[in-house]
Amino acid sequence: MIIGVLHLEFRLHGNRSLKGKRKVSLSLKQKLRNKFNVSVAEVDALDVHDKLVLAVVTTANESARVESTLSKALAMVEAISPAELTRCNTEIFSDTE
């Protein structure tokens, strides 16, 4: 089994409330879940108004499939996100011995 994690960090310019942050977060999470059947969660900076950190997780039997899904998810986020993507990192975990 192969597990892939995509960490996304955004800067929300001009955002002054957690309500505005939640609106952006919920929209991105729902779009990713619907399009790619992945798990998405806000994982850091929960009380910071202008910073959003999401983790996108997928699993498959082949690393190529995991990498493909995460790269397509990243491309979609870059295309549709109203926030500035400041950092992204991909990690792949395998249980092969």
C-alpha atoms as a PDB file:
ATOM      1  CA  MET A   1       0.000   0.000   0.000  1.00  0.00           C
ATOM      2  CA  ILE A   2       1.257   3.468  -0.913  1.00  0.00           C
ATOM      3  CA  ILE A   3       0.143   6.606   0.951  1.00  0.00           C
ATOM      4  CA  GLY A   4       0.715  10.096  -0.411  1.00  0.00           C
ATOM      5  CA  VAL A   5       0.428  13.364   1.496  1.00  0.00           C
ATOM      6  CA  LEU A   6       0.366  16.793  -0.110  1.00  0.00           C
ATOM      7  CA  HIS A   7       0.913  19.704   2.312  1.00  0.00           C
ATOM      8  CA  LEU A   8      -0.374  23.048   1.023  1.00  0.00           C
ATOM      9  CA  GLU A   9       0.268  26.393   2.699  1.00  0.00           C
ATOM     10  CA  PHE A  10      -1.647  29.487   1.621  1.00  0.00           C
ATOM     11  CA  ARG A  11      -1.455  33.173   2.458  1.00  0.00           C
ATOM     12  CA  LEU A  12      -4.896  34.801   2.643  1.00  0.00           C
ATOM     13  CA  HIS A  13      -4.224  38.451   1.802  1.00  0.00           C
ATOM     14  CA  GLY A  14      -6.708  40.884   3.267  1.00  0.00           C
ATOM     15  CA  ASN A  15      -8.524  38.276   5.344  1.00  0.00           C
ATOM     16  CA  ARG A  16      -9.426  39.591   8.804  1.00  0.00           C
ATOM     17  CA  SER A  17     -11.571  36.828  10.284  1.00  0.00           C
ATOM     18  CA  LEU A  18     -11.738  33.108  10.836  1.00  0.00           C
ATOM     19  CA  LYS A  19     -15.091  33.151   9.035  1.00  0.00           C
ATOM     20  CA  GLY A  20     -13.405  34.339   5.820  1.00  0.00           C
ATOM     21  CA  LYS A  21     -10.681  31.727   6.236  1.00  0.00           C
ATOM     22  CA  ARG A  22     -13.274  29.006   6.797  1.00  0.00           C
ATOM     23  CA  LYS A  23     -15.070  29.991   3.592  1.00  0.00           C
ATOM     24  CA  VAL A  24     -11.899  29.527   1.509  1.00  0.00           C
ATOM     25  CA  SER A  25     -10.960  26.343   3.378  1.00  0.00           C
ATOM     26  CA  LEU A  26     -14.344  24.649   3.003  1.00  0.00           C
ATOM     27  CA  SER A  27     -14.529  25.491  -0.691  1.00  0.00           C
ATOM     28  CA  LEU A  28     -11.078  24.079  -1.464  1.00  0.00           C
ATOM     29  CA  LYS A  29     -11.621  20.962   0.649  1.00  0.00           C
ATOM     30  CA  GLN A  30     -14.969  20.143  -0.951  1.00  0.00           C
ATOM     31  CA  LYS A  31     -13.679  20.649  -4.498  1.00  0.00           C
ATOM     32  CA  LEU A  32     -10.678  18.386  -3.847  1.00  0.00           C
ATOM     33  CA  ARG A  33     -12.840  15.685  -2.254  1.00  0.00           C
ATOM     34  CA  ASN A  34     -15.381  15.730  -5.066  1.00  0.00           C
ATOM     35  CA  LYS A  35     -12.894  15.706  -7.935  1.00  0.00           C
ATOM     36  CA  PHE A  36     -10.173  13.353  -6.652  1.00  0.00           C
ATOM     37  CA  ASN A  37     -11.762  11.256  -3.866  1.00  0.00           C
ATOM     38  CA  VAL A  38      -9.057  12.271  -1.389  1.00  0.00           C
ATOM     39  CA  SER A  39      -9.058  13.116   2.303  1.00  0.00           C
ATOM     40  CA  VAL A  40      -8.435  16.775   3.114  1.00  0.00           C
ATOM     41  CA  ALA A  41      -7.997  18.487   6.469  1.00  0.00           C
ATOM     42  CA  GLU A  42      -6.816  21.795   7.857  1.00  0.00           C
ATOM     43  CA  VAL A  43      -3.749  20.769   9.854  1.00  0.00           C
ATOM     44  CA  ASP A  44      -1.948  23.862  11.147  1.00  0.00           C
ATOM     45  CA  ALA A  45      -2.371  27.568  11.960  1.00  0.00           C
ATOM     46  CA  LEU A  46      -5.967  26.990  12.990  1.00  0.00           C
ATOM     47  CA  ASP A  47      -6.324  30.332  14.785  1.00  0.00           C
ATOM     48  CA  VAL A  48      -4.341  32.448  12.308  1.00  0.00           C
ATOM     49  CA  HIS A  49      -6.579  34.562  10.060  1.00  0.00           C
ATOM     50  CA  ASP A  50      -4.258  34.987   7.092  1.00  0.00           C
ATOM     51  CA  LYS A  51      -2.631  31.547   6.879  1.00  0.00           C
ATOM     52  CA  LEU A  52      -4.240  28.290   5.746  1.00  0.00           C
ATOM     53  CA  VAL A  53      -2.491  24.904   5.856  1.00  0.00           C
ATOM     54  CA  LEU A  54      -4.185  21.884   4.280  1.00  0.00           C
ATOM     55  CA  ALA A  55      -3.113  18.259   3.992  1.00  0.00           C
ATOM     56  CA  VAL A  56      -4.406  16.179   1.084  1.00  0.00           C
ATOM     57  CA  VAL A  57      -4.056  12.408   1.503  1.00  0.00           C
ATOM     58  CA  THR A  58      -4.606   9.562  -0.941  1.00  0.00           C
ATOM     59  CA  THR A  59      -3.735   5.887  -1.077  1.00  0.00           C
ATOM     60  CA  ALA A  60      -3.313   3.301  -3.840  1.00  0.00           C
ATOM     61  CA  ASN A  61      -1.434   0.146  -4.743  1.00  0.00           C
ATOM     62  CA  GLU A  62       0.967   1.956  -7.093  1.00  0.00           C
ATOM     63  CA  SER A  63       3.144   4.968  -6.336  1.00  0.00           C
ATOM     64  CA  ALA A  64       2.606   6.318  -9.863  1.00  0.00           C
ATOM     65  CA  ARG A  65      -1.138   6.533  -9.209  1.00  0.00           C
ATOM     66  CA  VAL A  66      -0.610   8.319  -5.889  1.00  0.00           C
ATOM     67  CA  GLU A  67       1.832  10.796  -7.450  1.00  0.00           C
ATOM     68  CA  SER A  68      -0.513  11.418 -10.369  1.00  0.00           C
ATOM     69  CA  THR A  69      -3.501  12.118  -8.120  1.00  0.00           C
ATOM     70  CA  LEU A  70      -1.545  14.509  -5.917  1.00  0.00           C
ATOM     71  CA  SER A  71       0.009  16.368  -8.851  1.00  0.00           C
ATOM     72  CA  LYS A  72      -3.419  16.811 -10.465  1.00  0.00           C
ATOM     73  CA  ALA A  73      -4.817  18.025  -7.136  1.00  0.00           C
ATOM     74  CA  LEU A  74      -1.976  20.554  -6.846  1.00  0.00           C
ATOM     75  CA  ALA A  75      -2.570  21.789 -10.405  1.00  0.00           C
ATOM     76  CA  MET A  76      -6.268  22.270  -9.690  1.00  0.00           C
ATOM     77  CA  VAL A  77      -5.585  24.153  -6.450  1.00  0.00           C
ATOM     78  CA  GLU A  78      -3.122  26.462  -8.209  1.00  0.00           C
ATOM     79  CA  ALA A  79      -5.698  27.174 -10.905  1.00  0.00           C
ATOM     80  CA  ILE A  80      -8.756  27.837  -8.729  1.00  0.00           C
ATOM     81  CA  SER A  81      -7.496  29.066  -5.374  1.00  0.00           C
ATOM     82  CA  PRO A  82      -8.270  32.666  -4.466  1.00  0.00           C
ATOM     83  CA  ALA A  83      -5.374  32.521  -1.981  1.00  0.00           C
ATOM     84  CA  GLU A  84      -1.644  32.678  -2.678  1.00  0.00           C
ATOM     85  CA  LEU A  85       0.004  29.245  -2.512  1.00  0.00           C
ATOM     86  CA  THR A  86       3.229  29.916  -0.611  1.00  0.00           C
ATOM     87  CA  ARG A  87       4.533  26.396  -0.077  1.00  0.00           C
ATOM     88  CA  CYS A  88       3.746  22.827  -1.051  1.00  0.00           C
ATOM     89  CA  ASN A  89       5.400  19.546  -0.155  1.00  0.00           C
ATOM     90  CA  THR A  90       4.661  15.981  -1.215  1.00  0.00           C
ATOM     91  CA  GLU A  91       5.512  12.898   0.837  1.00  0.00           C
ATOM     92  CA  ILE A  92       5.085   9.286  -0.267  1.00  0.00           C
ATOM     93  CA  PHE A  93       5.010   6.437   2.261  1.00  0.00           C
ATOM     94  CA  SER A  94       5.233   2.742   1.401  1.00  0.00           C
ATOM     95  CA  ASP A  95       4.736  -0.347   3.543  1.00  0.00           C
ATOM     96  CA  THR A  96       7.030  -2.566   1.429  1.00  0.00           C
ATOM     97  CA  GLU A  97       9.698  -4.287   3.417  1.00  0.00           C
END
